[in-house]
Every structure is written in structure tokens, then in C-alpha cells.
Protein backbone atom coordinates (compact mmCIF):
# COMPACT_ATOMS: atom_id res chain seq x y z
CA MET A 1 88.46 95.77 71.64
CA SER A 2 89.39 94.19 74.99
CA ASP A 3 86.94 94.17 77.86
CA SER A 4 87.43 96.76 80.60
CA PRO A 5 88.94 95.34 83.79
CA VAL A 6 86.43 94.40 86.47
CA ASP A 7 86.23 96.92 89.29
CA LEU A 8 86.29 94.87 92.49
CA ARG A 9 85.76 97.83 94.80
CA ARG A 10 82.77 97.65 97.12
CA PHE A 11 81.05 100.72 98.53
CA ALA A 12 79.60 101.53 101.96
CA PRO A 13 77.72 104.86 101.82
CA ALA A 14 78.21 105.62 105.53
CA THR A 15 81.98 105.74 105.11
CA GLU A 16 82.06 109.24 103.65
CA ARG A 17 79.85 110.52 106.46
CA ASN A 18 81.83 109.12 109.37
CA ARG A 19 85.46 109.04 108.24
CA GLY A 20 86.15 112.73 108.97
CA PRO A 21 84.90 112.61 112.57
CA ILE A 22 86.74 109.31 113.11
CA LEU A 23 89.99 110.88 111.91
CA ASP A 24 89.52 113.85 114.24
CA VAL A 25 89.19 111.53 117.24
CA LEU A 26 92.08 109.32 116.17
CA ARG A 27 94.43 112.32 115.85
CA ALA A 28 93.87 112.98 119.56
CA LEU A 29 94.40 109.34 120.58
CA LEU A 30 97.17 108.01 118.36
CA PRO A 31 100.88 107.94 119.14
CA ASP A 32 103.25 109.84 116.86
CA SER A 33 103.74 106.82 114.58
CA GLY A 34 103.28 103.06 114.54
CA ASN A 35 101.63 100.00 113.04
CA VAL A 36 97.84 100.04 112.72
CA LEU A 37 95.92 96.77 112.44
CA GLU A 38 92.34 97.12 111.23
CA ILE A 39 90.02 94.21 111.98
CA ALA A 40 86.97 93.75 109.74
CA SER A 41 88.10 96.32 107.18
CA GLY A 42 85.03 95.61 105.05
CA THR A 43 85.12 97.46 101.74
CA GLY A 44 88.51 99.02 102.54
CA GLU A 45 87.27 102.58 102.13
CA HIS A 46 88.18 103.64 105.66
CA VAL A 47 91.74 102.38 105.59
CA VAL A 48 92.65 103.84 102.20
CA TRP A 49 91.25 107.22 103.24
CA LEU A 50 92.86 107.28 106.69
CA ALA A 51 96.29 106.14 105.51
CA PRO A 52 97.27 109.26 103.50
CA GLN A 53 96.05 111.46 106.36
CA LEU A 54 98.36 109.60 108.77
CA PRO A 55 101.52 109.05 106.73
CA LEU A 56 103.73 108.09 109.69
CA PHE A 57 101.66 104.96 110.27
CA SER A 58 101.69 101.65 108.44
CA PHE A 59 98.18 100.24 107.98
CA GLN A 60 97.42 96.53 107.95
CA PRO A 61 93.83 95.87 106.82
CA SER A 62 92.15 92.51 107.30
CA ASP A 63 88.86 90.76 106.68
CA PRO A 64 87.64 87.14 106.69
CA ASP A 65 85.56 87.65 103.51
CA PRO A 66 87.50 87.07 100.25
CA SER A 67 85.31 89.54 98.35
CA ASN A 68 86.04 92.21 100.94
CA ARG A 69 89.76 91.51 100.72
CA ALA A 70 89.53 91.90 96.94
CA SER A 71 87.75 95.22 97.46
CA ILE A 72 90.42 96.38 99.93
CA ALA A 73 93.16 95.52 97.45
CA ALA A 74 91.31 97.30 94.63
CA TRP A 75 90.74 100.43 96.71
CA THR A 76 94.40 100.41 97.77
CA SER A 77 95.57 100.11 94.18
CA ARG A 78 93.21 102.83 92.98
CA SER A 79 94.17 105.21 95.82
CA GLY A 80 97.91 104.89 95.34
CA ALA A 81 98.39 104.80 99.12
CA THR A 82 101.91 103.63 99.90
CA ASN A 83 101.40 102.85 103.61
CA VAL A 84 98.62 100.24 103.24
CA LEU A 85 99.71 96.60 103.26
CA PRO A 86 97.92 93.76 101.44
CA PRO A 87 94.87 92.60 103.43
CA LEU A 88 95.13 89.62 105.76
CA ALA A 89 92.53 86.87 106.08
CA LEU A 90 91.82 87.42 109.78
CA ASP A 91 88.62 86.59 111.61
CA ALA A 92 87.91 88.11 115.03
CA ARG A 93 86.65 84.69 116.13
CA ASP A 94 89.89 82.89 115.26
CA THR A 95 91.57 80.96 118.05
CA ARG A 96 94.77 82.88 117.44
CA TRP A 97 95.85 85.59 115.03
CA THR A 98 99.09 85.21 113.09
CA LEU A 99 100.50 88.65 112.32
CA PRO A 100 103.66 89.80 110.54
CA THR A 101 104.09 92.71 112.99
CA ALA A 102 102.67 93.46 116.42
CA PRO A 103 100.25 96.41 116.22
CA SER A 104 100.66 99.58 118.22
CA VAL A 105 97.06 100.49 117.35
CA LEU A 106 94.05 98.29 116.59
CA LEU A 107 90.98 99.69 114.82
CA CYS A 108 87.61 97.98 114.57
CA ILE A 109 84.98 100.12 112.86
CA ASN A 110 81.34 99.05 112.54
CA MET A 111 81.89 95.37 113.25
CA ILE A 112 80.55 94.59 116.71
CA HIS A 113 76.88 95.12 115.84
CA ILE A 114 77.12 93.29 112.48
CA ALA A 115 78.62 90.11 113.90
CA PRO A 116 77.75 87.51 116.53
CA TRP A 117 78.75 88.28 120.12
CA LYS A 118 81.50 85.66 119.93
CA ALA A 119 83.26 87.96 117.45
CA THR A 120 83.53 90.59 120.20
CA LEU A 121 84.84 87.97 122.61
CA GLY A 122 87.40 86.84 120.04
CA LEU A 123 88.38 90.40 119.20
CA MET A 124 89.21 91.19 122.81
CA ARG A 125 91.00 87.90 123.43
CA ASN A 126 93.14 88.14 120.29
CA ALA A 127 93.83 91.86 120.67
CA ALA A 128 95.09 91.30 124.22
CA ALA A 129 97.42 88.56 122.96
CA VAL A 130 99.13 90.73 120.32
CA MET A 131 99.12 94.21 121.91
CA SER A 132 101.60 95.72 124.36
CA PRO A 133 100.74 97.72 127.50
CA GLY A 134 99.52 101.22 126.71
CA THR A 135 98.56 100.52 123.10
CA LEU A 136 95.24 101.72 121.70
CA LEU A 137 92.20 99.59 120.84
CA TYR A 138 89.64 101.78 119.06
CA LEU A 139 86.03 100.79 118.38
CA TYR A 140 83.45 102.75 116.43
CA GLY A 141 79.74 102.15 116.04
CA PRO A 142 76.35 102.36 117.76
CA PHE A 143 76.00 101.20 121.36
CA LYS A 144 73.30 101.05 123.99
CA ARG A 145 73.96 102.80 127.31
CA GLY A 146 72.53 101.32 130.48
CA GLY A 147 70.57 98.82 128.43
CA ALA A 148 68.75 101.53 126.46
CA HIS A 149 69.21 102.82 122.93
CA THR A 150 70.58 106.34 122.67
CA ALA A 151 68.12 107.31 119.91
CA PRO A 152 64.92 105.94 118.32
CA SER A 153 66.79 105.48 115.04
CA ASN A 154 69.22 103.11 116.78
CA ALA A 155 66.31 101.04 118.10
CA THR A 156 64.95 100.74 114.55
CA PHE A 157 68.42 99.86 113.27
CA ASP A 158 68.78 97.22 115.96
CA GLN A 159 65.49 95.62 114.92
CA SER A 160 66.59 95.48 111.28
CA LEU A 161 69.92 93.90 112.24
CA ARG A 162 68.25 91.20 114.32
CA ALA A 163 65.73 90.54 111.55
CA THR A 164 68.67 89.92 109.20
CA ASP A 165 70.50 87.70 111.68
CA PRO A 166 69.35 87.04 115.27
CA CYS A 167 73.01 86.91 116.34
CA TRP A 168 73.56 90.54 115.29
CA GLY A 169 72.46 93.67 117.14
CA VAL A 170 73.48 96.92 118.82
CA ARG A 171 75.45 95.94 121.93
CA ASP A 172 75.41 97.29 125.46
CA LEU A 173 78.50 99.41 125.88
CA GLU A 174 78.79 98.20 129.47
CA ALA A 175 78.96 94.59 128.30
CA VAL A 176 81.68 95.46 125.79
CA VAL A 177 83.65 97.32 128.47
CA GLU A 178 83.35 94.36 130.83
CA THR A 179 84.56 91.98 128.13
CA ALA A 180 87.49 94.25 127.35
CA SER A 181 88.37 94.59 131.02
CA THR A 182 88.36 90.81 131.47
CA ALA A 183 90.74 90.49 128.51
CA GLY A 184 93.16 93.08 129.88
CA PHE A 185 92.03 96.50 128.64
CA THR A 186 90.92 99.60 130.47
CA LEU A 187 88.38 102.08 129.10
CA ALA A 188 90.07 105.39 128.24
CA ASP A 189 87.06 107.23 126.78
CA ALA A 190 83.66 106.82 125.16
CA ILE A 191 83.10 109.78 122.85
CA PRO A 192 79.67 110.57 121.35
CA MET A 193 79.86 110.83 117.56
CA PRO A 194 77.51 111.97 114.77
CA ALA A 195 74.51 109.77 113.85
CA ASN A 196 74.26 108.38 117.40
CA ASN A 197 77.52 106.45 117.26
CA PHE A 198 80.43 106.29 119.69
CA SER A 199 84.20 106.20 119.52
CA VAL A 200 85.29 103.86 122.29
CA ALA A 201 88.97 103.89 123.23
CA PHE A 202 90.66 101.23 125.33
CA ARG A 203 94.26 100.92 126.46
CA ARG A 204 96.05 97.60 126.97
CA ILE A 205 96.91 97.20 130.64
């Protein structure tokens, strides 16, 4: 008897909790169709769930971690989604992204707090270089407002992140907005989400 194939899918429990609210917000922000680039796709669970809900969009996942890219490919294969492309080896901190197609939408879900600040700087710099005026840059995750956490649970989460890696941590939304503005984006909306998160929408100027 041959061995069963190895399942390379990885799992992030929060995905099932937040994907519905994220989709609701995206439906109000997205154009009618286009090319979606996801930076830091992680396990791939978000992209393979969103893609069938938004069939007029082509989704390009990416991640710098080979094991995450393997998980994205495995989830894509298992889901049967036809509008998800093979994952790219992109890092937000790269000097320059090389893309097959310019994105009309860029998604970055739950990366900024689980990465060094230079990843946010690189994200904004690279996104500005590949996006056209009016296109959407969408961020999701926890943020501080006015230098303060929005809930005690976020403060505890922030402490655990920094204990894991001192370069990680819940960021000040104002600092992210300033970085985006410097790169060439304007804040369109910051929408409170379940579990003390935010959807933050920018438009390329």
C-alpha cells in the first residue's frame, strides 16, 4: 500500500472568524473587476476563500516563506479555485517587486504587526511603485489609535508579540497613515472590525 500524500496545508484559526467581515468590507471598496495582489498570504486560507466569492477578480498570492507558499499552493489545489495564480516569492522588504501584472488592488492581512517596521516601509514603497492612481491598498489587523491600544486584549497581544520578537508589535495607525502618505497614498477609511481589528483602506494618489 502506498503512503498517503503529505498535506502541506497550514492552518490559522483566526481566518474563519475574520474572513466574512473582511469580504463584506471589500465588496464595498473593490472595483467591478481586476487583479488582486496579496502580500504576506501566509497559509493561503484567505485568498482561496475570497477568490470564489469574487469571481471577476484574478488573485495573485505571495509570501517570502517557502513553507507558506507550499501551503498556498496546496490550499489552492484542494479548493479548486480557478482564479488564484501560483504564489510568488515576494517580500515586503524587497528593494523592488517584480510582478507579471500590475495590481488594481493590493491586500495585506495580518502582516504589519507580525513583521519588523521596515516591512511596512517596504510595503508602502513597493505598492506605490506598482499601483496606479485610484487603486486600493487594503490593510487588516490590530492598530493603536493615538498611541493607545483600543482594548486590553490588544495590549496583551502586543506584549506577546514583542516577547516573541522585539521588532514585532501592534502599530500606531497614525504612523502607518503617515508612512502611506509619504509613499503616495491617501487614507480613504479606517473601519472598526470584530475582535478589535481595523480595515484600513488607502487609495493611490
